[in-house]
Amino acid sequence: MTAMADHTTDGFRLSMLLNDSRYRSLTIQIIAFLLFVLGVWWLLNNALTNLAAQGQTFSFRFLGQAAGYDINQRLIEYNSQMSHARAAAVGILNTLLVAFLGCITATVLGVLAGILRLSPNWLVAKLMSVYVEVFRNIPVLIVILTIYAVMTELAPPPNAFRGEDAAASMILWDSVAVTNRGVYVPKPIWGPGSGVVVATFLASILGVVLFGRYARARLFATGQTLPTFRIQLAILVLPALLVFFALGRPIGLEAPELRGFNFAGGLHLRGPLIALWFALSIYTAAFIAENVRAGIQAVSRGQSEAAFSLGLSPARTMRLVVLPQAMRVIVPPLISHYLNLTKNSSLAIAVGYMDLTATTRITLNQTGRAIEAILLMMAFYLAISLSISAFMNWYNARIRLKER
């Protein structure tokens, strides 16, 4: 009788656990996770077995071998005798450079286009509408190839800058040269004490942010406005300039000069980098502009009218009232656009820009390590995408409206 009672009690407890939604959902999740692990293990084991049958092994030792190929656009020192790992690092930095420049430029252009699309000026609004509709409906690869073709076909060659009656001339006080081989810009020369100037400038940026918060808090508390733009500009520029001249101008500029058949000195921004950067920025900005427009229109018109009744200018109303509320609509899709821009940078191979995809492809062709090379590339794009998502989600949590 005791055994039967215990069996009945155990069955009752098991029935209770199965009927409890908490334990049932946990059990399903554990089973699903185990099935996923088994599936991954089966795929890896199958791949390793097939490699062993072909006399190959799964190894990343090829990363230490000499790469044997050159990379024209690079941020760190590199030559063909360095390892595949070094070449991959150059490709990663090139990808991050395009992604960073593209995200910044696309955000600025997208915000401006989104605001101007709501302009009361009919011509400006229609021009922005045409821009958005055109670039949203053209494949980004075509935009990249078009800009690259314009640079290589229409820009003058370096020899066009030679002579007194030169067919082309440099711009910005003879400091920038736009050629069919790329753009040549001044290069900073860092002398003793330049680190102090840079640190002062970074501290000034922090001061601009802190003053902006103070001015906003004062406006909300007392209704008194401050000339924030002029004060913030002074905070940003004056301290760094004073330190710059006090230390004897430790930072100089090396302007490009025409020597022989090409320009020498300065920084050489090659055509593939310029084409990829501009194309990704212009293309992504068209989507960001629509998000900005939707976010602004999601804010009640009464908010703007209330701000105008308090004496705020249209610019202050947009910056202090409308945009902070619109950000809750703008930021979530902005994350996807940043991720798409970063992944679309892999199209750099179409114009010869040596990003991670290009360096990995050459490494794969030389070593035959297809699985290892592809896994490394996938791991990088996954890591950078998760990093962007984490940062933007943190920013979204910071700016979201606080409920009372």
Protein backbone atom coordinates (compact mmCIF):
# COMPACT_ATOMS: atom_id res chain seq x y z
CA MET A 1 0.00 0.00 0.00
CA THR A 2 2.83 2.38 0.87
CA ALA A 3 4.57 1.69 -2.45
CA MET A 4 1.35 2.24 -4.36
CA ALA A 5 0.74 5.51 -2.50
CA ASP A 6 4.28 6.69 -3.26
CA HIS A 7 3.81 5.79 -6.93
CA THR A 8 0.53 7.69 -7.03
CA THR A 9 2.15 10.69 -5.35
CA ASP A 10 5.05 10.68 -7.84
CA GLY A 11 2.65 10.48 -10.75
CA PHE A 12 0.66 13.36 -9.35
CA ARG A 13 3.80 15.50 -8.96
CA LEU A 14 4.90 14.66 -12.50
CA SER A 15 1.48 15.63 -13.80
CA MET A 16 1.64 18.90 -11.89
CA LEU A 17 5.08 19.68 -13.34
CA LEU A 18 3.93 18.92 -16.88
CA ASN A 19 0.88 21.12 -16.46
CA ASP A 20 2.94 24.00 -15.00
CA SER A 21 3.71 26.36 -17.91
CA ARG A 22 6.98 27.49 -16.32
CA TYR A 23 8.49 23.99 -16.08
CA ARG A 24 7.01 22.93 -19.42
CA SER A 25 8.55 25.88 -21.27
CA LEU A 26 11.90 25.32 -19.53
CA THR A 27 11.83 21.65 -20.50
CA ILE A 28 11.10 22.50 -24.12
CA GLN A 29 13.95 25.01 -24.19
CA ILE A 30 16.40 22.48 -22.76
CA ILE A 31 15.35 19.87 -25.31
CA ALA A 32 15.63 22.38 -28.16
CA PHE A 33 19.12 23.44 -26.97
CA LEU A 34 20.29 19.83 -26.78
CA LEU A 35 18.98 19.16 -30.28
CA PHE A 36 20.78 22.27 -31.55
CA VAL A 37 24.05 21.17 -29.94
CA LEU A 38 23.68 17.70 -31.42
CA GLY A 39 22.99 19.20 -34.85
CA VAL A 40 26.09 21.42 -34.68
CA TRP A 41 28.19 18.49 -33.46
CA TRP A 42 26.92 16.32 -36.34
CA LEU A 43 27.77 18.99 -38.92
CA LEU A 44 31.28 19.55 -37.52
CA ASN A 45 31.96 15.84 -37.22
CA ASN A 46 30.73 15.25 -40.76
CA ALA A 47 32.95 18.06 -42.08
CA LEU A 48 36.03 16.77 -40.23
CA THR A 49 35.36 13.23 -41.43
CA ASN A 50 35.12 14.35 -45.04
CA LEU A 51 38.29 16.40 -44.70
CA ALA A 52 40.13 13.40 -43.24
CA ALA A 53 38.89 11.22 -46.11
CA GLN A 54 40.51 13.68 -48.53
CA GLY A 55 43.73 13.76 -46.57
CA GLN A 56 43.15 17.23 -45.14
CA THR A 57 43.04 18.52 -41.58
CA PHE A 58 41.20 21.36 -39.88
CA SER A 59 43.89 23.83 -38.82
CA PHE A 60 44.60 27.56 -38.67
CA ARG A 61 48.36 27.19 -38.98
CA PHE A 62 48.19 28.71 -42.47
CA LEU A 63 47.73 32.10 -40.79
CA GLY A 64 51.41 32.07 -39.90
CA GLN A 65 52.57 31.50 -43.48
CA ALA A 66 53.79 34.31 -45.74
CA ALA A 67 50.90 35.93 -47.60
CA GLY A 68 52.78 36.67 -50.81
CA TYR A 69 50.52 39.46 -52.08
CA ASP A 70 50.44 43.23 -51.72
CA ILE A 71 47.69 45.47 -50.35
CA ASN A 72 47.68 49.03 -51.70
CA GLN A 73 45.34 50.67 -49.14
CA ARG A 74 46.40 49.94 -45.56
CA LEU A 75 46.33 51.55 -42.13
CA ILE A 76 49.19 49.53 -40.63
CA GLU A 77 52.57 48.47 -41.95
CA TYR A 78 52.38 45.50 -44.31
CA ASN A 79 54.35 43.83 -47.10
CA SER A 80 53.98 40.65 -49.10
CA GLN A 81 56.39 38.71 -46.86
CA MET A 82 54.19 39.13 -43.81
CA SER A 83 51.75 36.47 -42.67
CA HIS A 84 48.19 35.78 -43.72
CA ALA A 85 47.15 36.83 -40.22
CA ARG A 86 48.71 40.25 -40.82
CA ALA A 87 46.94 40.50 -44.18
CA ALA A 88 43.65 39.62 -42.48
CA ALA A 89 44.29 42.34 -39.89
CA VAL A 90 44.83 44.87 -42.68
CA GLY A 91 41.58 43.76 -44.31
CA ILE A 92 39.70 44.02 -41.00
CA LEU A 93 40.97 47.56 -40.41
CA ASN A 94 40.03 48.56 -43.95
CA THR A 95 36.53 47.19 -43.40
CA LEU A 96 36.19 49.01 -40.08
CA LEU A 97 37.43 52.23 -41.71
CA VAL A 98 34.73 52.12 -44.39
CA ALA A 99 32.06 51.12 -41.88
CA PHE A 100 32.96 53.94 -39.47
CA LEU A 101 33.20 56.64 -42.14
CA GLY A 102 30.06 55.38 -43.83
CA CYS A 103 27.95 55.30 -40.65
CA ILE A 104 28.99 58.83 -39.67
CA THR A 105 28.44 60.30 -43.14
CA ALA A 106 25.17 58.44 -43.73
CA THR A 107 23.79 59.62 -40.38
CA VAL A 108 24.59 63.28 -41.10
CA LEU A 109 23.19 63.12 -44.65
CA GLY A 110 20.17 61.10 -43.57
CA VAL A 111 19.19 63.45 -40.75
CA LEU A 112 19.56 66.50 -43.00
CA ALA A 113 17.59 64.88 -45.82
CA GLY A 114 14.86 63.72 -43.45
CA ILE A 115 14.41 67.19 -41.96
CA LEU A 116 14.59 68.94 -45.34
CA ARG A 117 11.98 66.58 -46.74
CA LEU A 118 9.53 68.15 -44.28
CA SER A 119 10.61 71.67 -45.26
CA PRO A 120 7.82 74.15 -46.10
CA ASN A 121 9.87 75.06 -49.18
CA TRP A 122 8.23 73.04 -51.99
CA LEU A 123 11.35 72.79 -54.14
CA VAL A 124 13.62 71.61 -51.31
CA ALA A 125 11.07 69.04 -50.14
CA LYS A 126 10.59 67.65 -53.65
CA LEU A 127 14.34 67.45 -54.31
CA MET A 128 14.80 65.45 -51.13
CA SER A 129 11.89 63.20 -52.09
CA VAL A 130 13.50 62.52 -55.48
CA TYR A 131 16.83 61.74 -53.81
CA VAL A 132 15.24 59.31 -51.35
CA GLU A 133 13.10 57.51 -53.92
CA VAL A 134 15.91 57.20 -56.46
CA PHE A 135 18.61 55.80 -54.19
CA ARG A 136 16.26 53.53 -52.27
CA ASN A 137 15.34 51.76 -55.50
CA ILE A 138 18.81 51.34 -57.03
CA PRO A 139 21.05 48.40 -56.01
CA VAL A 140 23.97 49.63 -53.96
CA LEU A 141 26.45 47.82 -56.22
CA ILE A 142 25.36 49.99 -59.15
CA VAL A 143 25.89 53.11 -57.04
CA ILE A 144 29.39 51.94 -56.11
CA LEU A 145 30.34 51.18 -59.71
CA THR A 146 28.86 54.47 -60.95
CA ILE A 147 30.81 56.63 -58.50
CA TYR A 148 34.00 54.68 -59.19
CA ALA A 149 33.51 55.08 -62.96
CA VAL A 150 32.92 58.82 -62.57
CA MET A 151 36.12 59.19 -60.56
CA THR A 152 38.29 57.18 -62.95
CA GLU A 153 36.83 58.56 -66.19
CA LEU A 154 36.03 62.21 -65.43
CA ALA A 155 38.69 63.18 -62.88
CA PRO A 156 41.90 64.55 -64.43
CA PRO A 157 45.15 62.54 -64.43
CA PRO A 158 48.08 63.81 -62.34
CA ASN A 159 49.92 65.19 -65.40
CA ALA A 160 47.01 67.57 -66.00
CA PHE A 161 48.23 69.56 -62.99
CA ARG A 162 51.67 70.21 -64.55
CA GLY A 163 52.75 73.48 -66.13
CA GLU A 164 51.78 77.12 -65.94
CA ASP A 165 48.71 76.59 -68.12
CA ALA A 166 47.67 73.38 -66.40
CA ALA A 167 44.33 71.87 -67.40
CA ALA A 168 43.52 71.11 -63.74
CA SER A 169 44.33 72.76 -60.44
CA MET A 170 44.31 71.82 -56.80
CA ILE A 171 41.54 73.05 -54.49
CA LEU A 172 41.32 74.42 -50.95
CA TRP A 173 44.34 76.71 -51.18
CA ASP A 174 46.31 74.20 -53.26
CA SER A 175 46.16 71.55 -50.55
CA VAL A 176 43.85 68.92 -52.09
CA ALA A 177 44.20 67.25 -55.49
CA VAL A 178 41.33 65.24 -57.02
CA THR A 179 42.68 62.89 -59.70
CA ASN A 180 41.64 59.70 -61.45
CA ARG A 181 44.07 57.87 -59.16
CA GLY A 182 42.38 59.08 -56.00
CA VAL A 183 42.30 62.13 -53.77
CA TYR A 184 45.46 63.56 -52.23
CA VAL A 185 44.96 65.48 -48.96
CA PRO A 186 47.36 67.01 -46.41
CA LYS A 187 48.95 64.61 -43.97
CA PRO A 188 49.32 65.58 -40.28
CA ILE A 189 52.86 65.61 -38.92
CA TRP A 190 52.98 64.81 -35.22
CA GLY A 191 55.78 66.56 -33.37
CA PRO A 192 56.77 66.62 -29.67
CA GLY A 193 53.83 67.82 -27.60
CA SER A 194 51.19 66.85 -30.15
CA GLY A 195 49.70 64.38 -27.68
CA VAL A 196 48.96 67.24 -25.28
CA VAL A 197 47.11 69.12 -28.02
CA VAL A 198 45.04 66.03 -28.88
CA ALA A 199 44.25 65.39 -25.20
CA THR A 200 43.16 69.01 -24.81
CA PHE A 201 40.90 68.72 -27.84
CA LEU A 202 39.31 65.52 -26.47
CA ALA A 203 38.76 67.24 -23.13
CA SER A 204 37.14 70.12 -25.02
CA ILE A 205 34.70 67.71 -26.65
CA LEU A 206 33.75 66.46 -23.18
CA GLY A 207 33.34 70.08 -22.08
CA VAL A 208 30.99 70.74 -25.01
CA VAL A 209 28.82 67.79 -24.00
CA LEU A 210 28.73 68.83 -20.33
CA PHE A 211 27.89 72.44 -21.19
CA GLY A 212 25.11 71.27 -23.48
CA ARG A 213 23.58 69.28 -20.64
CA TYR A 214 23.90 72.26 -18.29
CA ALA A 215 22.27 74.62 -20.79
CA ARG A 216 19.40 72.21 -21.35
CA ALA A 217 18.85 71.67 -17.63
CA ARG A 218 18.86 75.44 -17.07
CA LEU A 219 16.39 75.97 -19.88
CA PHE A 220 13.98 73.38 -18.49
CA ALA A 221 14.36 74.67 -14.92
CA THR A 222 14.25 78.46 -15.45
CA GLY A 223 13.24 79.01 -19.07
CA GLN A 224 16.41 81.03 -19.68
CA THR A 225 18.31 80.30 -22.89
CA LEU A 226 22.03 80.57 -23.51
CA PRO A 227 23.89 81.12 -26.81
CA THR A 228 24.92 77.48 -26.77
CA PHE A 229 26.34 77.30 -30.29
CA ARG A 230 28.84 80.14 -29.81
CA ILE A 231 29.84 79.02 -26.34
CA GLN A 232 30.25 75.39 -27.37
CA LEU A 233 32.27 76.44 -30.42
CA ALA A 234 34.57 78.48 -28.17
CA ILE A 235 34.96 75.56 -25.74
CA LEU A 236 35.78 73.24 -28.63
CA VAL A 237 38.31 75.46 -30.42
CA LEU A 238 39.95 77.95 -28.04
CA PRO A 239 41.63 75.61 -25.48
CA ALA A 240 43.21 73.44 -28.18
CA LEU A 241 44.39 76.51 -30.11
CA LEU A 242 45.95 78.06 -27.02
CA VAL A 243 47.81 74.86 -26.18
CA PHE A 244 48.78 74.46 -29.85
CA PHE A 245 50.46 77.87 -30.03
CA ALA A 246 51.84 77.67 -26.48
CA LEU A 247 53.74 74.48 -27.37
CA GLY A 248 55.12 75.98 -30.57
CA ARG A 249 52.68 74.44 -33.05
CA PRO A 250 53.72 70.78 -32.64
CA ILE A 251 51.25 69.55 -35.28
CA GLY A 252 51.98 70.39 -38.90
CA LEU A 253 50.56 69.49 -42.29
CA GLU A 254 52.40 67.94 -45.22
CA ALA A 255 50.62 69.03 -48.41
CA PRO A 256 50.79 66.81 -51.53
CA GLU A 257 53.07 68.02 -54.33
CA LEU A 258 53.33 67.00 -57.97
CA ARG A 259 56.65 65.25 -58.46
CA GLY A 260 57.36 63.54 -61.75
CA PHE A 261 54.35 61.62 -62.99
CA ASN A 262 52.39 61.56 -59.75
CA PHE A 263 51.74 63.39 -56.49
CA ALA A 264 53.99 62.74 -53.52
CA GLY A 265 53.51 63.57 -49.87
CA GLY A 266 50.25 63.93 -48.02
CA LEU A 267 47.64 61.20 -47.66
CA HIS A 268 46.50 59.25 -50.71
CA LEU A 269 42.83 58.27 -50.52
CA ARG A 270 42.50 55.84 -53.38
CA GLY A 271 39.56 55.79 -55.74
CA PRO A 272 38.09 52.48 -54.51
CA LEU A 273 37.95 53.80 -50.92
CA ILE A 274 36.30 57.08 -51.97
CA ALA A 275 33.79 55.30 -54.23
CA LEU A 276 32.84 52.73 -51.61
CA TRP A 277 32.61 55.31 -48.82
CA PHE A 278 30.46 57.76 -50.77
CA ALA A 279 28.24 55.10 -52.33
CA LEU A 280 27.44 53.35 -49.05
CA SER A 281 26.86 56.72 -47.34
CA ILE A 282 24.53 58.10 -50.02
CA TYR A 283 22.63 54.82 -50.34
CA THR A 284 22.14 54.27 -46.61
CA ALA A 285 21.31 57.95 -45.97
CA ALA A 286 18.23 57.60 -48.19
CA PHE A 287 16.82 54.97 -45.81
CA ILE A 288 17.82 56.92 -42.71
CA ALA A 289 16.06 59.99 -44.11
CA GLU A 290 12.77 58.09 -44.22
CA ASN A 291 13.25 56.98 -40.62
CA VAL A 292 13.94 60.56 -39.53
CA ARG A 293 10.88 61.82 -41.37
CA ALA A 294 8.70 59.14 -39.78
CA GLY A 295 10.11 59.88 -36.33
CA ILE A 296 9.46 63.62 -36.63
CA GLN A 297 5.93 63.08 -37.91
CA ALA A 298 5.27 60.68 -35.03
CA VAL A 299 5.64 63.59 -32.58
CA SER A 300 2.40 65.43 -31.94
CA ARG A 301 2.19 68.82 -33.59
CA GLY A 302 1.03 70.22 -30.27
CA GLN A 303 4.56 69.73 -28.92
CA SER A 304 5.98 72.15 -31.49
CA GLU A 305 3.16 74.63 -30.96
CA ALA A 306 3.74 74.56 -27.22
CA ALA A 307 7.46 75.19 -27.75
CA PHE A 308 6.73 78.11 -30.07
CA SER A 309 4.36 79.59 -27.51
CA LEU A 310 7.21 79.56 -24.98
CA GLY A 311 9.37 81.59 -27.35
CA LEU A 312 11.65 78.83 -28.64
CA SER A 313 13.00 79.26 -32.14
CA PRO A 314 12.29 76.58 -34.78
CA ALA A 315 15.88 75.32 -34.53
CA ARG A 316 15.72 75.00 -30.73
CA THR A 317 12.28 73.41 -30.97
CA MET A 318 13.60 70.78 -33.36
CA ARG A 319 16.73 70.10 -31.27
CA LEU A 320 15.23 70.22 -27.76
CA VAL A 321 11.62 69.12 -28.21
CA VAL A 322 10.95 67.24 -31.44
CA LEU A 323 14.11 65.19 -32.06
CA PRO A 324 14.45 63.84 -28.48
CA GLN A 325 10.92 62.44 -28.76
CA ALA A 326 11.43 61.27 -32.33
CA MET A 327 14.54 59.28 -31.42
CA ARG A 328 12.43 56.46 -29.97
CA VAL A 329 11.15 55.87 -33.52
CA ILE A 330 14.42 56.63 -35.34
CA VAL A 331 16.98 54.59 -33.39
CA PRO A 332 15.61 50.99 -33.64
CA PRO A 333 15.61 50.85 -37.47
CA LEU A 334 18.86 52.83 -37.49
CA ILE A 335 20.56 49.78 -35.99
CA SER A 336 19.57 47.70 -39.01
CA HIS A 337 20.87 50.34 -41.43
CA TYR A 338 24.25 50.44 -39.69
CA LEU A 339 24.47 46.65 -39.85
CA ASN A 340 23.50 46.62 -43.52
CA LEU A 341 26.11 49.28 -44.32
CA THR A 342 28.81 47.26 -42.57
CA LYS A 343 27.87 44.06 -44.39
CA ASN A 344 27.47 45.84 -47.73
CA SER A 345 31.08 46.95 -47.43
CA SER A 346 31.95 43.42 -48.59
CA LEU A 347 31.02 44.66 -52.11
CA ALA A 348 34.38 46.46 -52.05
CA ILE A 349 35.79 43.61 -54.09
CA ALA A 350 33.91 45.01 -57.12
CA VAL A 351 36.16 48.09 -57.23
CA GLY A 352 39.37 46.51 -55.95
CA TYR A 353 39.30 47.80 -52.37
CA MET A 354 41.14 45.33 -50.16
CA ASP A 355 38.75 44.75 -47.28
CA LEU A 356 38.43 41.54 -45.26
CA THR A 357 36.44 39.79 -47.99
CA ALA A 358 39.13 40.48 -50.60
CA THR A 359 42.06 39.43 -48.41
CA THR A 360 40.21 36.29 -47.27
CA ARG A 361 39.46 35.34 -50.88
CA ILE A 362 43.13 35.62 -51.86
CA THR A 363 44.20 33.66 -48.77
CA LEU A 364 41.64 30.97 -49.57
CA ASN A 365 42.89 30.65 -53.16
CA GLN A 366 46.52 30.37 -52.04
CA THR A 367 46.07 27.96 -49.13
CA GLY A 368 42.94 26.01 -50.08
CA ARG A 369 41.63 26.42 -46.53
CA ALA A 370 38.06 27.23 -47.51
CA ILE A 371 36.29 26.22 -44.29
CA GLU A 372 38.78 27.94 -41.99
CA ALA A 373 38.87 31.14 -44.06
CA ILE A 374 35.10 31.38 -44.32
CA LEU A 375 34.68 30.70 -40.60
CA LEU A 376 37.11 33.51 -39.76
CA MET A 377 35.24 35.90 -42.03
CA MET A 378 31.88 34.90 -40.58
CA ALA A 379 33.21 35.30 -37.04
CA PHE A 380 34.41 38.84 -37.76
CA TYR A 381 31.17 40.03 -39.33
CA LEU A 382 29.20 38.41 -36.51
CA ALA A 383 31.39 40.08 -33.88
CA ILE A 384 31.19 43.55 -35.42
CA SER A 385 27.42 43.23 -35.99
CA LEU A 386 26.81 42.17 -32.39
CA SER A 387 29.03 45.02 -31.17
CA ILE A 388 27.08 47.60 -33.19
CA SER A 389 23.78 46.15 -31.99
CA ALA A 390 24.91 46.17 -28.36
CA PHE A 391 26.07 49.79 -28.51
CA MET A 392 22.96 51.03 -30.31
CA ASN A 393 20.65 49.12 -27.95
CA TRP A 394 22.45 50.73 -25.02
CA TYR A 395 22.03 54.14 -26.63
CA ASN A 396 18.37 53.43 -27.33
CA ALA A 397 17.82 52.58 -23.66
CA ARG A 398 19.50 55.85 -22.65
CA ILE A 399 17.36 58.11 -24.82
CA ARG A 400 13.98 56.42 -24.53
CA LEU A 401 11.19 58.35 -22.87
CA LYS A 402 11.01 57.84 -19.12
CA GLU A 403 7.56 56.91 -17.88
CA ARG A 404 6.31 58.53 -14.68
